[in-house]
Amino acid sequence: MDMPTNELRRRTLLFLLLAVMLSYPAAIIVLGSRIAIETGNVIVLSVASGIVVAYAPVAWQAIRKGRLIDGADILSIGIFTAWCGVAYARLGSIIWRMLDKPVSWLDSGWWGFHIAMTCMGALCHLVAPEAVSGRVPTREWIRIGLMVAAGVFCGAILVIVNLD
């Protein structure tokens, strides 16, 4: 029995990606920066919410499995948690803007919770080698990604510590 495939012509994908990328500058020209950002927040919140709902059952099943879960399960948990973080951040941004951007929110613990959620998702992406079709991402690129992450972390920590 042939398995269904999820294929898209490269030209179609590139067109879609380019259209999305160019829509933001176009929105700035047509609507102005403030409305473009607010509209973008709503669009990303909508798409992120859809992804969270679509991946919730798979992520829940993966967590409920026995002691060992495979790369696809880890990746599904990563997609779910990362997009939960994105949805939380966009919702927070929308509310923050509606309340006239209270400065006190910027250093509050609940405001930064999306950082932990997104970090969980990123971690899952980096510990799920060969999760897709037994090849994506490859173990070699995972190692390179982990080295880059460690380098950026060390560099950023040095910058933050030296700011004080």
C-alpha atoms as a PDB file:
ATOM      1  CA  MET A   1       0.000   0.000   0.000  1.00  0.00           C
ATOM      2  CA  ASP A   2       1.383   3.402  -0.981  1.00  0.00           C
ATOM      3  CA  MET A   3       1.663   5.901   1.824  1.00  0.00           C
ATOM      4  CA  PRO A   4       0.238   9.351   1.097  1.00  0.00           C
ATOM      5  CA  THR A   5       2.898  11.987   0.595  1.00  0.00           C
ATOM      6  CA  ASN A   6       2.934  15.615   1.459  1.00  0.00           C
ATOM      7  CA  GLU A   7       4.655  17.176  -1.492  1.00  0.00           C
ATOM      8  CA  LEU A   8       4.700  20.682  -2.837  1.00  0.00           C
ATOM      9  CA  ARG A   9       6.452  22.047  -5.864  1.00  0.00           C
ATOM     10  CA  ARG A  10       9.568  23.958  -4.877  1.00  0.00           C
ATOM     11  CA  ARG A  11       8.397  26.942  -6.951  1.00  0.00           C
ATOM     12  CA  THR A  12       5.057  27.011  -5.104  1.00  0.00           C
ATOM     13  CA  LEU A  13       6.751  26.886  -1.700  1.00  0.00           C
ATOM     14  CA  LEU A  14       9.214  29.630  -2.642  1.00  0.00           C
ATOM     15  CA  PHE A  15       6.358  31.772  -3.953  1.00  0.00           C
ATOM     16  CA  LEU A  16       4.391  31.328  -0.713  1.00  0.00           C
ATOM     17  CA  LEU A  17       7.407  32.126   1.450  1.00  0.00           C
ATOM     18  CA  LEU A  18       8.300  35.180  -0.615  1.00  0.00           C
ATOM     19  CA  ALA A  19       4.681  36.400  -0.554  1.00  0.00           C
ATOM     20  CA  VAL A  20       4.611  36.177   3.247  1.00  0.00           C
ATOM     21  CA  MET A  21       8.015  37.859   3.560  1.00  0.00           C
ATOM     22  CA  LEU A  22       7.009  40.751   1.282  1.00  0.00           C
ATOM     23  CA  SER A  23       3.582  41.190   2.863  1.00  0.00           C
ATOM     24  CA  TYR A  24       5.049  42.764   6.000  1.00  0.00           C
ATOM     25  CA  PRO A  25       6.880  45.641   4.258  1.00  0.00           C
ATOM     26  CA  ALA A  26       3.795  46.106   2.084  1.00  0.00           C
ATOM     27  CA  ALA A  27       1.613  46.268   5.206  1.00  0.00           C
ATOM     28  CA  ILE A  28       3.934  48.898   6.705  1.00  0.00           C
ATOM     29  CA  ILE A  29       3.628  51.030   3.563  1.00  0.00           C
ATOM     30  CA  VAL A  30      -0.149  50.637   3.342  1.00  0.00           C
ATOM     31  CA  LEU A  31      -1.162  50.540   7.019  1.00  0.00           C
ATOM     32  CA  GLY A  32       1.736  52.122   8.898  1.00  0.00           C
ATOM     33  CA  SER A  33       4.077  50.426  11.368  1.00  0.00           C
ATOM     34  CA  ARG A  34       1.741  50.265  14.370  1.00  0.00           C
ATOM     35  CA  ILE A  35      -1.194  48.685  12.521  1.00  0.00           C
ATOM     36  CA  ALA A  36       1.151  46.363  10.597  1.00  0.00           C
ATOM     37  CA  ILE A  37       2.647  45.066  13.873  1.00  0.00           C
ATOM     38  CA  GLU A  38      -0.777  44.670  15.475  1.00  0.00           C
ATOM     39  CA  THR A  39      -2.101  42.861  12.400  1.00  0.00           C
ATOM     40  CA  GLY A  40       0.992  40.673  12.285  1.00  0.00           C
ATOM     41  CA  ASN A  41       0.534  39.795  15.956  1.00  0.00           C
ATOM     42  CA  VAL A  42      -3.061  38.718  15.276  1.00  0.00           C
ATOM     43  CA  ILE A  43      -2.075  36.660  12.237  1.00  0.00           C
ATOM     44  CA  VAL A  44       0.763  34.890  14.066  1.00  0.00           C
ATOM     45  CA  LEU A  45      -1.429  34.308  17.141  1.00  0.00           C
ATOM     46  CA  SER A  46      -4.079  32.753  14.883  1.00  0.00           C
ATOM     47  CA  VAL A  47      -1.660  30.461  13.054  1.00  0.00           C
ATOM     48  CA  ALA A  48       0.182  29.538  16.269  1.00  0.00           C
ATOM     49  CA  SER A  49      -3.112  28.659  17.965  1.00  0.00           C
ATOM     50  CA  GLY A  50      -4.002  26.406  15.047  1.00  0.00           C
ATOM     51  CA  ILE A  51      -0.632  24.653  15.267  1.00  0.00           C
ATOM     52  CA  VAL A  52      -0.995  24.192  19.041  1.00  0.00           C
ATOM     53  CA  VAL A  53      -4.419  22.584  18.600  1.00  0.00           C
ATOM     54  CA  ALA A  54      -3.244  20.404  15.695  1.00  0.00           C
ATOM     55  CA  TYR A  55      -0.179  19.110  17.570  1.00  0.00           C
ATOM     56  CA  ALA A  56      -1.769  18.807  21.043  1.00  0.00           C
ATOM     57  CA  PRO A  57      -3.060  15.231  20.596  1.00  0.00           C
ATOM     58  CA  VAL A  58       0.236  13.993  19.140  1.00  0.00           C
ATOM     59  CA  ALA A  59       2.293  15.699  21.855  1.00  0.00           C
ATOM     60  CA  TRP A  60      -0.006  14.328  24.568  1.00  0.00           C
ATOM     61  CA  GLN A  61       0.278  10.805  23.139  1.00  0.00           C
ATOM     62  CA  ALA A  62       4.068  11.138  23.023  1.00  0.00           C
ATOM     63  CA  ILE A  63       4.232  12.207  26.670  1.00  0.00           C
ATOM     64  CA  ARG A  64       1.961   9.331  27.725  1.00  0.00           C
ATOM     65  CA  LYS A  65       4.119   6.689  26.008  1.00  0.00           C
ATOM     66  CA  GLY A  66       6.333   4.326  27.927  1.00  0.00           C
ATOM     67  CA  ARG A  67       9.845   5.093  29.037  1.00  0.00           C
ATOM     68  CA  LEU A  68      11.276   5.540  25.542  1.00  0.00           C
ATOM     69  CA  ILE A  69       9.929   7.916  22.932  1.00  0.00           C
ATOM     70  CA  ASP A  70      11.282   8.283  19.432  1.00  0.00           C
ATOM     71  CA  GLY A  71      12.552  11.336  17.572  1.00  0.00           C
ATOM     72  CA  ALA A  72       9.219  12.047  15.901  1.00  0.00           C
ATOM     73  CA  ASP A  73       7.538  12.128  19.322  1.00  0.00           C
ATOM     74  CA  ILE A  74      10.205  14.439  20.715  1.00  0.00           C
ATOM     75  CA  LEU A  75       9.873  16.693  17.695  1.00  0.00           C
ATOM     76  CA  SER A  76       6.075  16.805  18.022  1.00  0.00           C
ATOM     77  CA  ILE A  77       6.450  17.877  21.662  1.00  0.00           C
ATOM     78  CA  GLY A  78       8.948  20.500  20.518  1.00  0.00           C
ATOM     79  CA  ILE A  79       6.623  21.861  17.867  1.00  0.00           C
ATOM     80  CA  PHE A  80       3.752  21.970  20.354  1.00  0.00           C
ATOM     81  CA  THR A  81       5.693  23.725  23.132  1.00  0.00           C
ATOM     82  CA  ALA A  82       7.504  26.166  20.836  1.00  0.00           C
ATOM     83  CA  TRP A  83       4.250  27.292  19.234  1.00  0.00           C
ATOM     84  CA  CYS A  84       2.594  27.522  22.670  1.00  0.00           C
ATOM     85  CA  GLY A  85       5.367  29.971  23.510  1.00  0.00           C
ATOM     86  CA  VAL A  86       4.789  31.912  20.302  1.00  0.00           C
ATOM     87  CA  ALA A  87       1.020  32.066  20.906  1.00  0.00           C
ATOM     88  CA  TYR A  88       1.563  33.187  24.509  1.00  0.00           C
ATOM     89  CA  ALA A  89       4.043  35.887  23.414  1.00  0.00           C
ATOM     90  CA  ARG A  90       1.770  37.233  20.664  1.00  0.00           C
ATOM     91  CA  LEU A  91      -1.267  37.250  22.965  1.00  0.00           C
ATOM     92  CA  GLY A  92       0.791  39.080  25.590  1.00  0.00           C
ATOM     93  CA  SER A  93       1.946  41.582  22.995  1.00  0.00           C
ATOM     94  CA  ILE A  94      -1.601  42.226  21.828  1.00  0.00           C
ATOM     95  CA  ILE A  95      -2.838  42.791  25.392  1.00  0.00           C
ATOM     96  CA  TRP A  96       0.227  44.907  26.245  1.00  0.00           C
ATOM     97  CA  ARG A  97      -0.435  47.167  23.272  1.00  0.00           C
ATOM     98  CA  MET A  98      -4.147  47.400  24.127  1.00  0.00           C
ATOM     99  CA  LEU A  99      -3.223  48.551  27.659  1.00  0.00           C
ATOM    100  CA  ASP A 100      -0.939  51.316  26.317  1.00  0.00           C
ATOM    101  CA  LYS A 101       2.326  49.359  26.749  1.00  0.00           C
ATOM    102  CA  PRO A 102       2.802  49.329  30.544  1.00  0.00           C
ATOM    103  CA  VAL A 103       6.560  49.423  31.184  1.00  0.00           C
ATOM    104  CA  SER A 104       6.210  47.356  34.380  1.00  0.00           C
ATOM    105  CA  TRP A 105       5.240  44.315  32.292  1.00  0.00           C
ATOM    106  CA  LEU A 106       8.614  44.155  30.590  1.00  0.00           C
ATOM    107  CA  ASP A 107      10.430  42.839  33.678  1.00  0.00           C
ATOM    108  CA  SER A 108       7.612  40.752  35.163  1.00  0.00           C
ATOM    109  CA  GLY A 109       7.991  37.001  35.527  1.00  0.00           C
ATOM    110  CA  TRP A 110       4.732  36.065  33.851  1.00  0.00           C
ATOM    111  CA  TRP A 111       5.583  38.165  30.779  1.00  0.00           C
ATOM    112  CA  GLY A 112       8.750  36.156  30.141  1.00  0.00           C
ATOM    113  CA  PHE A 113       7.094  32.745  30.581  1.00  0.00           C
ATOM    114  CA  HIS A 114       6.959  32.390  26.793  1.00  0.00           C
ATOM    115  CA  ILE A 115      10.763  32.288  26.844  1.00  0.00           C
ATOM    116  CA  ALA A 116      10.735  29.039  28.851  1.00  0.00           C
ATOM    117  CA  MET A 117       8.083  27.507  26.610  1.00  0.00           C
ATOM    118  CA  THR A 118       9.970  28.423  23.457  1.00  0.00           C
ATOM    119  CA  CYS A 119      13.213  27.148  24.982  1.00  0.00           C
ATOM    120  CA  MET A 120      11.560  23.791  25.737  1.00  0.00           C
ATOM    121  CA  GLY A 121      10.499  23.555  22.118  1.00  0.00           C
ATOM    122  CA  ALA A 122      13.971  24.471  20.887  1.00  0.00           C
ATOM    123  CA  LEU A 123      15.558  21.879  23.158  1.00  0.00           C
ATOM    124  CA  CYS A 124      13.253  19.189  21.796  1.00  0.00           C
ATOM    125  CA  HIS A 125      14.205  20.188  18.241  1.00  0.00           C
ATOM    126  CA  LEU A 126      17.884  19.791  19.111  1.00  0.00           C
ATOM    127  CA  VAL A 127      17.547  16.376  20.771  1.00  0.00           C
ATOM    128  CA  ALA A 128      15.430  14.727  18.081  1.00  0.00           C
ATOM    129  CA  PRO A 129      17.968  13.532  15.497  1.00  0.00           C
ATOM    130  CA  GLU A 130      16.652  11.988  12.308  1.00  0.00           C
ATOM    131  CA  ALA A 131      13.063  12.473  13.488  1.00  0.00           C
ATOM    132  CA  VAL A 132      11.641  13.114  10.027  1.00  0.00           C
ATOM    133  CA  SER A 133      12.056  10.333   7.468  1.00  0.00           C
ATOM    134  CA  GLY A 134      15.076   9.082   9.387  1.00  0.00           C
ATOM    135  CA  ARG A 135      17.152  11.977   8.086  1.00  0.00           C
ATOM    136  CA  VAL A 136      15.974  15.392   9.313  1.00  0.00           C
ATOM    137  CA  PRO A 137      17.785  16.805  11.128  1.00  0.00           C
ATOM    138  CA  THR A 138      20.955  14.761  10.689  1.00  0.00           C
ATOM    139  CA  ARG A 139      23.026  13.901  13.731  1.00  0.00           C
ATOM    140  CA  GLU A 140      25.953  15.907  12.315  1.00  0.00           C
ATOM    141  CA  TRP A 141      23.876  19.068  11.951  1.00  0.00           C
ATOM    142  CA  ILE A 142      22.419  18.546  15.418  1.00  0.00           C
ATOM    143  CA  ARG A 143      25.988  18.540  16.798  1.00  0.00           C
ATOM    144  CA  ILE A 144      26.818  21.682  14.817  1.00  0.00           C
ATOM    145  CA  GLY A 145      23.583  23.302  16.018  1.00  0.00           C
ATOM    146  CA  LEU A 146      24.408  22.447  19.638  1.00  0.00           C
ATOM    147  CA  MET A 147      27.909  23.934  19.253  1.00  0.00           C
ATOM    148  CA  VAL A 148      26.466  27.122  17.752  1.00  0.00           C
ATOM    149  CA  ALA A 149      23.876  27.306  20.546  1.00  0.00           C
ATOM    150  CA  ALA A 150      26.614  26.910  23.183  1.00  0.00           C
ATOM    151  CA  GLY A 151      28.753  29.592  21.506  1.00  0.00           C
ATOM    152  CA  VAL A 152      25.890  32.062  21.253  1.00  0.00           C
ATOM    153  CA  PHE A 153      24.927  31.329  24.877  1.00  0.00           C
ATOM    154  CA  CYS A 154      28.476  31.963  26.134  1.00  0.00           C
ATOM    155  CA  GLY A 155      28.849  35.130  24.066  1.00  0.00           C
ATOM    156  CA  ALA A 156      25.469  36.504  25.119  1.00  0.00           C
ATOM    157  CA  ILE A 157      26.138  35.746  28.802  1.00  0.00           C
ATOM    158  CA  LEU A 158      29.450  37.610  28.580  1.00  0.00           C
ATOM    159  CA  VAL A 159      27.691  40.622  27.060  1.00  0.00           C
ATOM    160  CA  ILE A 160      24.935  40.588  29.694  1.00  0.00           C
ATOM    161  CA  VAL A 161      27.387  40.173  32.603  1.00  0.00           C
ATOM    162  CA  ASN A 162      29.564  43.006  31.298  1.00  0.00           C
ATOM    163  CA  LEU A 163      26.560  45.342  31.041  1.00  0.00           C
ATOM    164  CA  ASP A 164      26.230  45.426  34.822  1.00  0.00           C
END
